[in-house]
Amino acid sequence: MQVFETIGAFRAARTAYPTLGFVPTMGFLHEGHLGLVRQAKAENGAVAVSIFVNPKQFGPNEDYASYPRDPERDLALLKEAGADLVFLPTPDVLYRPGSGTRIDVGGVAEELEGQSRPGHFSGVATVVTKLFNIVQPQRAYFGQKDAQQCAVVRRFVADLDIPVEIVVCDIAREADGLARSSRNVRLTTENRQKAPALFQALQEAARLFRRGERDVDVLENAMRVVLIEAGLPDIDYATVVNADTFRREQPCSDNALALLAVRAGEVRLIDNMPL
C-alpha cells in the first residue's frame, strides 16, 4: 500500500493502474468504509482511498474541529482491507492560496440537508470533483447512509460529464440497527443506548408503508412518536420524500424514501430507508 500527501506524487503512482476503484472518506474509518474498500477492490482489481476532513462542507457552528481523526489507525485498517493507494492531503494541498471555485448543484441539493446545512453540498461537490480529477477512477463507491449526498454526486457527475460510475452500497449497521458512522464514537453511553431508535423509527414507517399507508403525514408522525418515546425529541427532520428528487410528495409514491436527522446530545445522526 502506497500513501501520498501531494497531488503530483499520487498522480505519478496512479498511472500504474489501468482500472481503479475509489473510496473517498473523511477518515476515522469503520466497517462501513472498509466494506466499500473491499467491494471496490473486488470489482476493479485495485482501489484508491482518500482521507480528508473537508473544511468546506462544515458550517461555522458544526463539528469540524472535533471531528474524530486517527490517520495511523486508518492506514493500518486500509492496509488490511487491501487498499493499493491512499491519498492523505492537507487542506492547503487541496485548496491552494487564492482558490475560490465552488460547485453549486441546485435541485436535489436544495432539500433537507441543503436547508439544514447551508453550503454543505457545495463543499461536498467541490471536493469530490477535485478528488475525481486527481484520482481519475473508473468507479467511485459511496454508502447509502448519506443518501442525499449520493444523489447530489450522481447529479453533478451527470451534469459535468465526469467519466466515473457511481456505486452506492447498502448501509452498514451495528447489531442493534444503528447506522455505522465515524461520529458514533462521540455518543455518550446514554445516547448510544437511545440511538437505535432511528432505525426503529424507519422500520415503523416501512411497516406502515407495506400495509398500504401512503399518507406522508401519518408516516412522519409515526417516526416522530418512536423517536420521542425513546428520548430523542431533538428532531431536525423525519420525513418521506421521492427518492429521485428528495421532495416531499403527498401522497407518497412507491419510490419513497424515509429520512431522519436527529440530535443525540452533541451528535447529529442521520439515517434512511427505502420504503
Protein backbone atom coordinates (compact mmCIF):
# COMPACT_ATOMS: atom_id res chain seq x y z
CA MET A 1 0.00 0.00 0.00
CA GLN A 2 1.37 3.39 -1.02
CA VAL A 3 0.48 6.61 0.81
CA PHE A 4 0.76 10.06 -0.77
CA GLU A 5 0.23 13.57 0.57
CA THR A 6 0.72 15.56 -2.65
CA ILE A 7 -1.26 15.61 -5.89
CA GLY A 8 1.79 15.17 -8.10
CA ALA A 9 3.07 12.11 -6.26
CA PHE A 10 -0.35 10.48 -6.27
CA ARG A 11 -0.88 11.12 -9.98
CA ALA A 12 2.52 9.63 -10.82
CA ALA A 13 1.69 6.42 -8.92
CA ARG A 14 -1.84 6.22 -10.30
CA THR A 15 -0.55 5.69 -13.87
CA ALA A 16 0.43 2.12 -12.94
CA TYR A 17 -3.24 1.09 -12.61
CA PRO A 18 -5.36 0.78 -15.78
CA THR A 19 -8.54 0.28 -13.72
CA LEU A 20 -9.09 1.84 -10.31
CA GLY A 21 -11.95 1.93 -7.84
CA PHE A 22 -12.11 4.88 -5.45
CA VAL A 23 -13.50 5.36 -1.95
CA PRO A 24 -13.48 8.99 -0.71
CA THR A 25 -13.60 9.25 3.11
CA MET A 26 -13.12 11.70 5.94
CA GLY A 27 -11.21 9.12 7.93
CA PHE A 28 -11.80 7.58 11.35
CA LEU A 29 -12.80 4.52 9.39
CA HIS A 30 -15.35 1.90 10.42
CA GLU A 31 -16.61 -1.33 8.90
CA GLY A 32 -18.87 0.58 6.54
CA HIS A 33 -15.88 2.26 4.90
CA LEU A 34 -13.89 -0.96 4.85
CA GLY A 35 -16.76 -2.79 3.16
CA LEU A 36 -16.67 -0.17 0.39
CA VAL A 37 -12.90 -0.68 0.04
CA ARG A 38 -13.25 -4.45 -0.24
CA GLN A 39 -16.04 -4.18 -2.81
CA ALA A 40 -14.04 -1.65 -4.85
CA LYS A 41 -11.02 -3.95 -4.73
CA ALA A 42 -13.05 -6.95 -5.87
CA GLU A 43 -14.74 -5.11 -8.73
CA ASN A 44 -11.73 -3.18 -10.06
CA GLY A 45 -8.61 -5.11 -9.11
CA ALA A 46 -7.15 -2.05 -7.40
CA VAL A 47 -8.56 0.61 -5.08
CA ALA A 48 -7.58 4.10 -4.01
CA VAL A 49 -8.85 5.70 -0.80
CA SER A 50 -8.73 9.36 0.18
CA ILE A 51 -8.72 10.56 3.78
CA PHE A 52 -9.59 14.23 4.05
CA VAL A 53 -11.76 16.08 6.57
CA ASN A 54 -13.09 18.70 4.20
CA PRO A 55 -13.48 22.09 5.90
CA LYS A 56 -15.69 23.43 3.11
CA GLN A 57 -18.58 21.10 3.95
CA PHE A 58 -18.78 22.13 7.62
CA GLY A 59 -20.80 25.14 8.73
CA PRO A 60 -19.49 27.69 11.25
CA ASN A 61 -21.31 26.01 14.15
CA GLU A 62 -20.58 22.41 13.12
CA ASP A 63 -18.06 19.89 14.39
CA TYR A 64 -15.07 20.34 12.05
CA ALA A 65 -12.59 20.89 14.89
CA SER A 66 -13.90 17.97 16.95
CA TYR A 67 -14.47 15.55 14.06
CA PRO A 68 -12.59 12.37 15.06
CA ARG A 69 -9.22 11.82 13.40
CA ASP A 70 -6.74 8.93 13.69
CA PRO A 71 -4.76 8.56 10.44
CA GLU A 72 -2.36 5.91 11.79
CA ARG A 73 -5.25 3.67 12.76
CA ASP A 74 -6.94 4.34 9.41
CA LEU A 75 -3.85 3.39 7.43
CA ALA A 76 -3.49 0.11 9.33
CA LEU A 77 -7.13 -0.75 8.61
CA LEU A 78 -6.78 0.17 4.93
CA LYS A 79 -3.69 -1.98 4.53
CA GLU A 80 -5.56 -4.95 5.99
CA ALA A 81 -8.56 -4.26 3.71
CA GLY A 82 -6.37 -4.35 0.60
CA ALA A 83 -6.11 -0.69 -0.39
CA ASP A 84 -3.46 -0.01 -3.04
CA LEU A 85 -3.19 3.78 -2.96
CA VAL A 86 -4.07 6.23 -0.20
CA PHE A 87 -4.31 9.99 -0.77
CA LEU A 88 -3.87 11.87 2.51
CA PRO A 89 -3.74 15.59 1.67
CA THR A 90 -3.84 18.58 3.99
CA PRO A 91 -6.30 21.45 3.34
CA ASP A 92 -3.59 23.65 1.81
CA VAL A 93 -2.83 20.91 -0.74
CA LEU A 94 -6.43 20.69 -1.99
CA TYR A 95 -7.24 24.38 -1.51
CA ARG A 96 -4.24 26.38 -2.61
CA PRO A 97 -3.98 30.10 -1.73
CA GLY A 98 -6.40 32.12 -3.82
CA SER A 99 -8.63 29.13 -4.59
CA GLY A 100 -12.21 30.34 -4.89
CA THR A 101 -14.06 27.98 -7.24
CA ARG A 102 -17.10 26.19 -5.82
CA ILE A 103 -19.68 23.91 -7.40
CA ASP A 104 -23.35 24.59 -6.63
CA VAL A 105 -25.54 21.70 -7.69
CA GLY A 106 -29.06 23.05 -7.11
CA GLY A 107 -32.17 20.89 -7.35
CA VAL A 108 -31.67 17.79 -5.23
CA ALA A 109 -29.04 19.62 -3.14
CA GLU A 110 -31.52 22.27 -2.00
CA GLU A 111 -33.74 20.00 0.10
CA LEU A 112 -33.35 18.59 3.65
CA GLU A 113 -29.61 18.64 4.41
CA GLY A 114 -29.30 21.52 1.96
CA GLN A 115 -31.70 23.55 4.10
CA SER A 116 -30.34 22.38 7.45
CA ARG A 117 -26.69 22.86 6.47
CA PRO A 118 -26.36 25.76 4.01
CA GLY A 119 -23.27 25.39 1.82
CA HIS A 120 -22.72 21.76 2.84
CA PHE A 121 -23.40 20.19 -0.54
CA SER A 122 -21.45 22.85 -2.38
CA GLY A 123 -18.47 21.86 -0.23
CA VAL A 124 -19.09 18.18 -0.93
CA ALA A 125 -19.47 18.69 -4.69
CA THR A 126 -16.34 20.84 -4.88
CA VAL A 127 -14.05 18.45 -3.01
CA VAL A 128 -15.40 15.29 -4.66
CA THR A 129 -14.97 16.84 -8.11
CA LYS A 130 -11.38 17.73 -7.24
CA LEU A 131 -10.75 14.20 -5.96
CA PHE A 132 -12.26 12.66 -9.10
CA ASN A 133 -9.94 14.83 -11.22
CA ILE A 134 -6.91 13.79 -9.17
CA VAL A 135 -7.69 10.07 -8.78
CA GLN A 136 -9.41 9.51 -12.17
CA PRO A 137 -11.20 6.32 -11.10
CA GLN A 138 -13.44 4.19 -13.26
CA ARG A 139 -15.84 3.68 -10.34
CA ALA A 140 -16.40 5.51 -7.04
CA TYR A 141 -18.08 3.92 -4.02
CA PHE A 142 -20.39 5.62 -1.52
CA GLY A 143 -22.61 4.40 1.31
CA GLN A 144 -26.42 4.64 1.21
CA LYS A 145 -26.39 6.17 4.71
CA ASP A 146 -25.63 9.51 3.06
CA ALA A 147 -28.49 9.04 0.59
CA GLN A 148 -28.88 12.68 -0.37
CA GLN A 149 -25.14 13.07 -0.81
CA CYS A 150 -25.21 10.10 -3.20
CA ALA A 151 -27.98 11.79 -5.20
CA VAL A 152 -26.00 15.04 -5.30
CA VAL A 153 -22.87 13.25 -6.52
CA ARG A 154 -24.83 11.46 -9.23
CA ARG A 155 -26.34 14.78 -10.31
CA PHE A 156 -23.10 16.72 -10.75
CA VAL A 157 -21.31 13.72 -12.30
CA ALA A 158 -24.05 13.61 -14.95
CA ASP A 159 -24.22 17.39 -15.37
CA LEU A 160 -20.46 17.83 -15.72
CA ASP A 161 -19.92 14.69 -17.83
CA ILE A 162 -17.40 13.25 -15.40
CA PRO A 163 -16.44 9.75 -16.64
CA VAL A 164 -16.93 7.83 -13.42
CA GLU A 165 -19.55 5.24 -12.42
CA ILE A 166 -21.12 5.92 -9.02
CA VAL A 167 -21.73 2.76 -6.98
CA VAL A 168 -23.95 3.10 -3.90
CA CYS A 169 -23.64 0.32 -1.31
CA ASP A 170 -26.02 -0.76 1.44
CA ILE A 171 -25.89 0.85 4.87
CA ALA A 172 -23.57 -0.91 7.32
CA ARG A 173 -25.30 -1.28 10.69
CA GLU A 174 -24.41 -2.34 14.20
CA ALA A 175 -26.17 -5.39 15.65
CA ASP A 176 -28.87 -3.14 17.17
CA GLY A 177 -29.54 -1.37 13.87
CA LEU A 178 -27.61 1.86 14.42
CA ALA A 179 -26.06 3.00 11.14
CA ARG A 180 -22.29 2.97 11.42
CA SER A 181 -20.75 6.42 11.44
CA SER A 182 -17.47 7.99 12.45
CA ARG A 183 -19.45 10.32 14.71
CA ASN A 184 -20.88 7.43 16.78
CA VAL A 185 -17.71 7.37 18.88
CA ARG A 186 -18.76 10.76 20.31
CA LEU A 187 -22.08 9.47 21.66
CA THR A 188 -22.38 9.29 25.43
CA THR A 189 -23.27 5.90 26.91
CA GLU A 190 -26.85 7.09 27.48
CA ASN A 191 -27.29 8.45 23.97
CA ARG A 192 -25.69 5.35 22.43
CA GLN A 193 -28.44 3.34 24.08
CA LYS A 194 -31.09 5.64 22.59
CA ALA A 195 -29.58 5.89 19.10
CA PRO A 196 -31.03 2.63 17.67
CA ALA A 197 -34.42 4.36 17.83
CA LEU A 198 -33.60 5.93 14.46
CA PHE A 199 -33.57 2.50 12.83
CA GLN A 200 -36.70 1.51 14.77
CA ALA A 201 -38.49 4.65 13.56
CA LEU A 202 -37.60 3.86 9.97
CA GLN A 203 -38.78 0.29 10.42
CA GLU A 204 -42.13 1.57 11.72
CA ALA A 205 -42.59 3.74 8.63
CA ALA A 206 -41.69 0.78 6.42
CA ARG A 207 -44.17 -1.44 8.27
CA LEU A 208 -47.00 1.06 7.71
CA PHE A 209 -45.98 1.52 4.07
CA ARG A 210 -46.12 -2.23 3.46
CA ARG A 211 -49.65 -2.22 4.89
CA GLY A 212 -50.64 0.32 2.25
CA GLU A 213 -50.22 3.61 4.09
CA ARG A 214 -49.32 6.42 1.66
CA ASP A 215 -50.21 9.49 3.73
CA VAL A 216 -46.90 11.22 4.36
CA ASP A 217 -48.21 12.93 7.49
CA VAL A 218 -49.11 9.57 9.03
CA LEU A 219 -45.71 8.06 8.18
CA GLU A 220 -43.80 11.07 9.50
CA ASN A 221 -45.80 11.21 12.71
CA ALA A 222 -45.19 7.50 13.32
CA MET A 223 -41.44 8.05 13.11
CA ARG A 224 -41.57 11.04 15.43
CA VAL A 225 -43.52 9.08 18.05
CA VAL A 226 -40.87 6.35 18.12
CA LEU A 227 -38.06 8.90 18.46
CA ILE A 228 -39.74 10.96 21.17
CA GLU A 229 -40.70 7.89 23.19
CA ALA A 230 -37.05 6.77 23.02
CA GLY A 231 -35.91 10.09 24.48
CA LEU A 232 -34.74 11.71 21.23
CA PRO A 233 -37.03 14.74 20.81
CA ASP A 234 -34.44 16.98 19.09
CA ILE A 235 -35.53 16.10 15.55
CA ASP A 236 -34.16 18.11 12.66
CA TYR A 237 -36.36 16.25 10.21
CA ALA A 238 -38.29 12.99 9.99
CA THR A 239 -39.75 12.86 6.53
CA VAL A 240 -40.69 10.81 3.49
CA VAL A 241 -39.61 12.02 0.06
CA ASN A 242 -39.32 10.93 -3.56
CA ALA A 243 -36.03 9.03 -3.74
CA ASP A 244 -35.05 10.76 -7.00
CA THR A 245 -35.94 14.39 -6.28
CA PHE A 246 -35.80 14.40 -2.46
CA ARG A 247 -39.01 16.42 -2.50
CA ARG A 248 -41.95 15.63 -0.28
CA GLU A 249 -44.97 14.26 -2.18
CA GLN A 250 -48.47 13.81 -0.77
CA PRO A 251 -49.44 11.03 -1.06
CA CYS A 252 -46.04 9.39 -1.39
CA SER A 253 -45.21 7.23 -4.38
CA ASP A 254 -43.81 3.70 -4.42
CA ASN A 255 -40.40 5.34 -4.96
CA ALA A 256 -40.46 6.66 -1.40
CA LEU A 257 -37.51 7.15 0.93
CA ALA A 258 -37.80 7.80 4.67
CA LEU A 259 -35.08 10.00 6.13
CA LEU A 260 -34.13 11.14 9.62
CA ALA A 261 -31.78 13.70 11.10
CA VAL A 262 -31.77 13.70 14.90
CA ARG A 263 -29.53 15.18 17.57
CA ALA A 264 -28.45 12.88 20.37
CA GLY A 265 -26.74 15.31 22.70
CA GLU A 266 -23.95 16.98 20.75
CA VAL A 267 -24.01 14.41 17.93
CA ARG A 268 -26.21 14.78 14.85
CA LEU A 269 -27.23 11.39 13.48
CA ILE A 270 -28.75 10.67 10.06
CA ASP A 271 -30.32 7.53 8.64
CA ASN A 272 -32.69 6.50 5.89
CA MET A 273 -34.60 3.57 4.46
CA PRO A 274 -36.20 2.99 1.05
CA LEU A 275 -39.86 2.15 1.68
